[in-house]
């Protein structure tokens, strides 16, 4: 669902995305990296979208 939203957002120009990877999130990142509509950036400051991919363990 999030990927479809990102595609819609990026339909007019490249969307700068900062990915935060959890467990097994690298598969989604590899898929997004191949998309010409998405620009992966190295800093959250340069991103319009913060993408959280994979599973995270909550610490109490």
N, C-alpha and C. Protein backbone atom coordinates (compact mmCIF):
# COMPACT_ATOMS: atom_id res chain seq x y z
N UNK A 1 0.82 -1.19 0.00
CA UNK A 1 0.00 0.00 0.00
C UNK A 1 0.87 1.26 0.00
N UNK A 2 1.91 1.29 0.81
CA UNK A 2 2.78 2.46 0.87
C UNK A 2 3.52 2.65 -0.45
N UNK A 3 3.87 1.56 -1.11
CA UNK A 3 4.58 1.68 -2.38
C UNK A 3 3.66 2.31 -3.43
N UNK A 4 2.38 1.94 -3.43
CA UNK A 4 1.43 2.55 -4.36
C UNK A 4 1.29 4.04 -4.09
N UNK A 5 1.25 4.43 -2.83
CA UNK A 5 1.16 5.84 -2.47
C UNK A 5 2.41 6.59 -2.93
N UNK A 6 3.56 5.98 -2.76
CA UNK A 6 4.80 6.61 -3.21
C UNK A 6 4.83 6.75 -4.72
N UNK A 7 4.34 5.77 -5.43
CA UNK A 7 4.28 5.88 -6.89
C UNK A 7 3.38 7.03 -7.32
N UNK A 8 2.25 7.16 -6.65
CA UNK A 8 1.34 8.25 -6.99
C UNK A 8 1.98 9.60 -6.68
N UNK A 9 2.65 9.70 -5.56
CA UNK A 9 3.33 10.93 -5.17
C UNK A 9 4.44 11.27 -6.16
N UNK A 10 5.12 10.27 -6.64
CA UNK A 10 6.27 10.49 -7.52
C UNK A 10 5.90 10.52 -9.00
N UNK A 11 4.64 10.50 -9.31
CA UNK A 11 4.25 10.43 -10.72
C UNK A 11 4.66 11.67 -11.52
N UNK A 12 4.78 12.80 -10.88
CA UNK A 12 5.13 14.03 -11.59
C UNK A 12 6.62 14.33 -11.55
N UNK A 13 7.27 14.01 -10.47
CA UNK A 13 8.71 14.20 -10.36
C UNK A 13 9.26 13.18 -9.36
N UNK A 14 10.56 13.10 -9.30
CA UNK A 14 11.18 12.14 -8.39
C UNK A 14 10.96 12.55 -6.94
N UNK A 15 10.55 11.60 -6.12
CA UNK A 15 10.31 11.87 -4.71
C UNK A 15 11.55 11.51 -3.92
N UNK A 16 12.13 12.46 -3.15
CA UNK A 16 13.28 12.13 -2.31
C UNK A 16 12.83 11.34 -1.08
N UNK A 17 13.36 10.14 -0.92
CA UNK A 17 12.95 9.22 0.14
C UNK A 17 14.15 8.86 0.99
N UNK A 18 13.99 8.94 2.33
CA UNK A 18 15.01 8.46 3.26
C UNK A 18 14.50 7.17 3.87
N UNK A 19 15.16 6.04 3.60
CA UNK A 19 14.67 4.76 4.13
C UNK A 19 15.28 4.45 5.50
N UNK A 20 14.45 3.94 6.38
CA UNK A 20 14.89 3.41 7.67
C UNK A 20 14.58 1.92 7.62
N UNK A 21 15.62 1.10 7.71
CA UNK A 21 15.44 -0.34 7.51
C UNK A 21 15.36 -1.09 8.82
N UNK A 22 14.35 -1.93 8.91
CA UNK A 22 14.23 -2.87 10.00
C UNK A 22 14.64 -4.25 9.50
N UNK A 23 14.28 -5.25 10.25
CA UNK A 23 14.61 -6.61 9.87
C UNK A 23 13.89 -6.98 8.58
N UNK A 24 14.62 -7.48 7.62
CA UNK A 24 14.14 -7.90 6.30
C UNK A 24 13.58 -6.74 5.48
N UNK A 25 14.00 -5.53 5.75
CA UNK A 25 13.55 -4.39 4.98
C UNK A 25 14.37 -4.14 3.73
N UNK A 26 15.48 -4.87 3.61
CA UNK A 26 16.36 -4.66 2.46
C UNK A 26 15.71 -5.07 1.14
N UNK A 27 14.78 -6.01 1.17
CA UNK A 27 14.09 -6.41 -0.07
C UNK A 27 13.26 -5.26 -0.62
N UNK A 28 12.54 -4.58 0.24
CA UNK A 28 11.73 -3.44 -0.20
C UNK A 28 12.63 -2.32 -0.70
N UNK A 29 13.75 -2.12 -0.04
CA UNK A 29 14.68 -1.07 -0.46
C UNK A 29 15.26 -1.37 -1.83
N UNK A 30 15.61 -2.61 -2.09
CA UNK A 30 16.14 -2.97 -3.41
C UNK A 30 15.09 -2.73 -4.50
N UNK A 31 13.85 -3.03 -4.20
CA UNK A 31 12.76 -2.80 -5.16
C UNK A 31 12.60 -1.30 -5.43
N UNK A 32 12.62 -0.50 -4.39
CA UNK A 32 12.47 0.95 -4.55
C UNK A 32 13.66 1.57 -5.27
N UNK A 33 14.84 1.06 -5.04
CA UNK A 33 16.04 1.60 -5.67
C UNK A 33 15.99 1.44 -7.19
N UNK A 34 15.26 0.46 -7.68
CA UNK A 34 15.13 0.25 -9.12
C UNK A 34 14.12 1.18 -9.77
N UNK A 35 13.30 1.82 -8.98
CA UNK A 35 12.25 2.68 -9.52
C UNK A 35 12.82 4.04 -9.93
N UNK A 36 12.57 4.46 -11.17
CA UNK A 36 13.09 5.75 -11.61
C UNK A 36 12.36 6.94 -11.00
N UNK A 37 11.20 6.71 -10.39
CA UNK A 37 10.43 7.80 -9.79
C UNK A 37 10.89 8.15 -8.39
N UNK A 38 11.74 7.32 -7.80
CA UNK A 38 12.14 7.50 -6.41
C UNK A 38 13.63 7.77 -6.33
N UNK A 39 13.97 8.79 -5.58
CA UNK A 39 15.37 9.14 -5.36
C UNK A 39 15.69 8.86 -3.89
N UNK A 40 16.56 7.89 -3.63
CA UNK A 40 16.96 7.60 -2.27
C UNK A 40 18.01 8.62 -1.84
N UNK A 41 17.79 9.26 -0.69
CA UNK A 41 18.72 10.27 -0.20
C UNK A 41 19.39 9.76 1.07
N UNK A 42 20.53 10.37 1.40
CA UNK A 42 21.34 9.90 2.52
C UNK A 42 20.99 10.55 3.85
N UNK A 43 20.11 11.52 3.85
CA UNK A 43 19.80 12.25 5.07
C UNK A 43 18.30 12.53 5.14
N UNK A 44 17.71 12.43 6.34
CA UNK A 44 16.30 12.77 6.47
C UNK A 44 16.02 14.24 6.16
N UNK A 45 17.02 15.07 6.32
CA UNK A 45 16.86 16.49 6.05
C UNK A 45 16.55 16.75 4.56
N UNK A 46 17.07 15.92 3.69
CA UNK A 46 16.88 16.10 2.25
C UNK A 46 15.67 15.35 1.71
N UNK A 47 14.95 14.66 2.57
CA UNK A 47 13.85 13.81 2.12
C UNK A 47 12.49 14.50 2.28
N UNK A 48 11.58 14.15 1.41
CA UNK A 48 10.18 14.54 1.56
C UNK A 48 9.38 13.40 2.18
N UNK A 49 9.93 12.19 2.10
CA UNK A 49 9.25 11.00 2.61
C UNK A 49 10.21 10.23 3.50
N UNK A 50 9.75 9.86 4.71
CA UNK A 50 10.50 8.97 5.59
C UNK A 50 9.84 7.60 5.48
N UNK A 51 10.56 6.64 4.93
CA UNK A 51 10.02 5.30 4.71
C UNK A 51 10.58 4.35 5.76
N UNK A 52 9.71 3.69 6.48
CA UNK A 52 10.11 2.68 7.47
C UNK A 52 9.73 1.34 6.89
N UNK A 53 10.76 0.52 6.58
CA UNK A 53 10.53 -0.77 5.94
C UNK A 53 11.07 -1.89 6.82
N UNK A 54 10.32 -2.98 6.89
CA UNK A 54 10.75 -4.14 7.66
C UNK A 54 10.08 -4.16 9.03
N UNK A 55 10.56 -5.07 9.86
CA UNK A 55 9.99 -5.23 11.19
C UNK A 55 10.93 -4.62 12.22
N UNK A 56 10.34 -4.04 13.24
CA UNK A 56 11.11 -3.46 14.35
C UNK A 56 10.65 -4.05 15.65
N UNK A 57 11.58 -4.21 16.54
CA UNK A 57 11.27 -4.75 17.86
C UNK A 57 11.16 -3.57 18.82
N UNK A 58 10.05 -3.47 19.50
CA UNK A 58 9.84 -2.41 20.48
C UNK A 58 10.53 -2.76 21.78
N UNK A 59 11.22 -1.81 22.33
CA UNK A 59 11.92 -2.02 23.62
C UNK A 59 11.15 -1.29 24.69
N UNK A 60 10.85 -2.01 25.76
CA UNK A 60 10.08 -1.40 26.88
C UNK A 60 10.99 -0.65 27.79
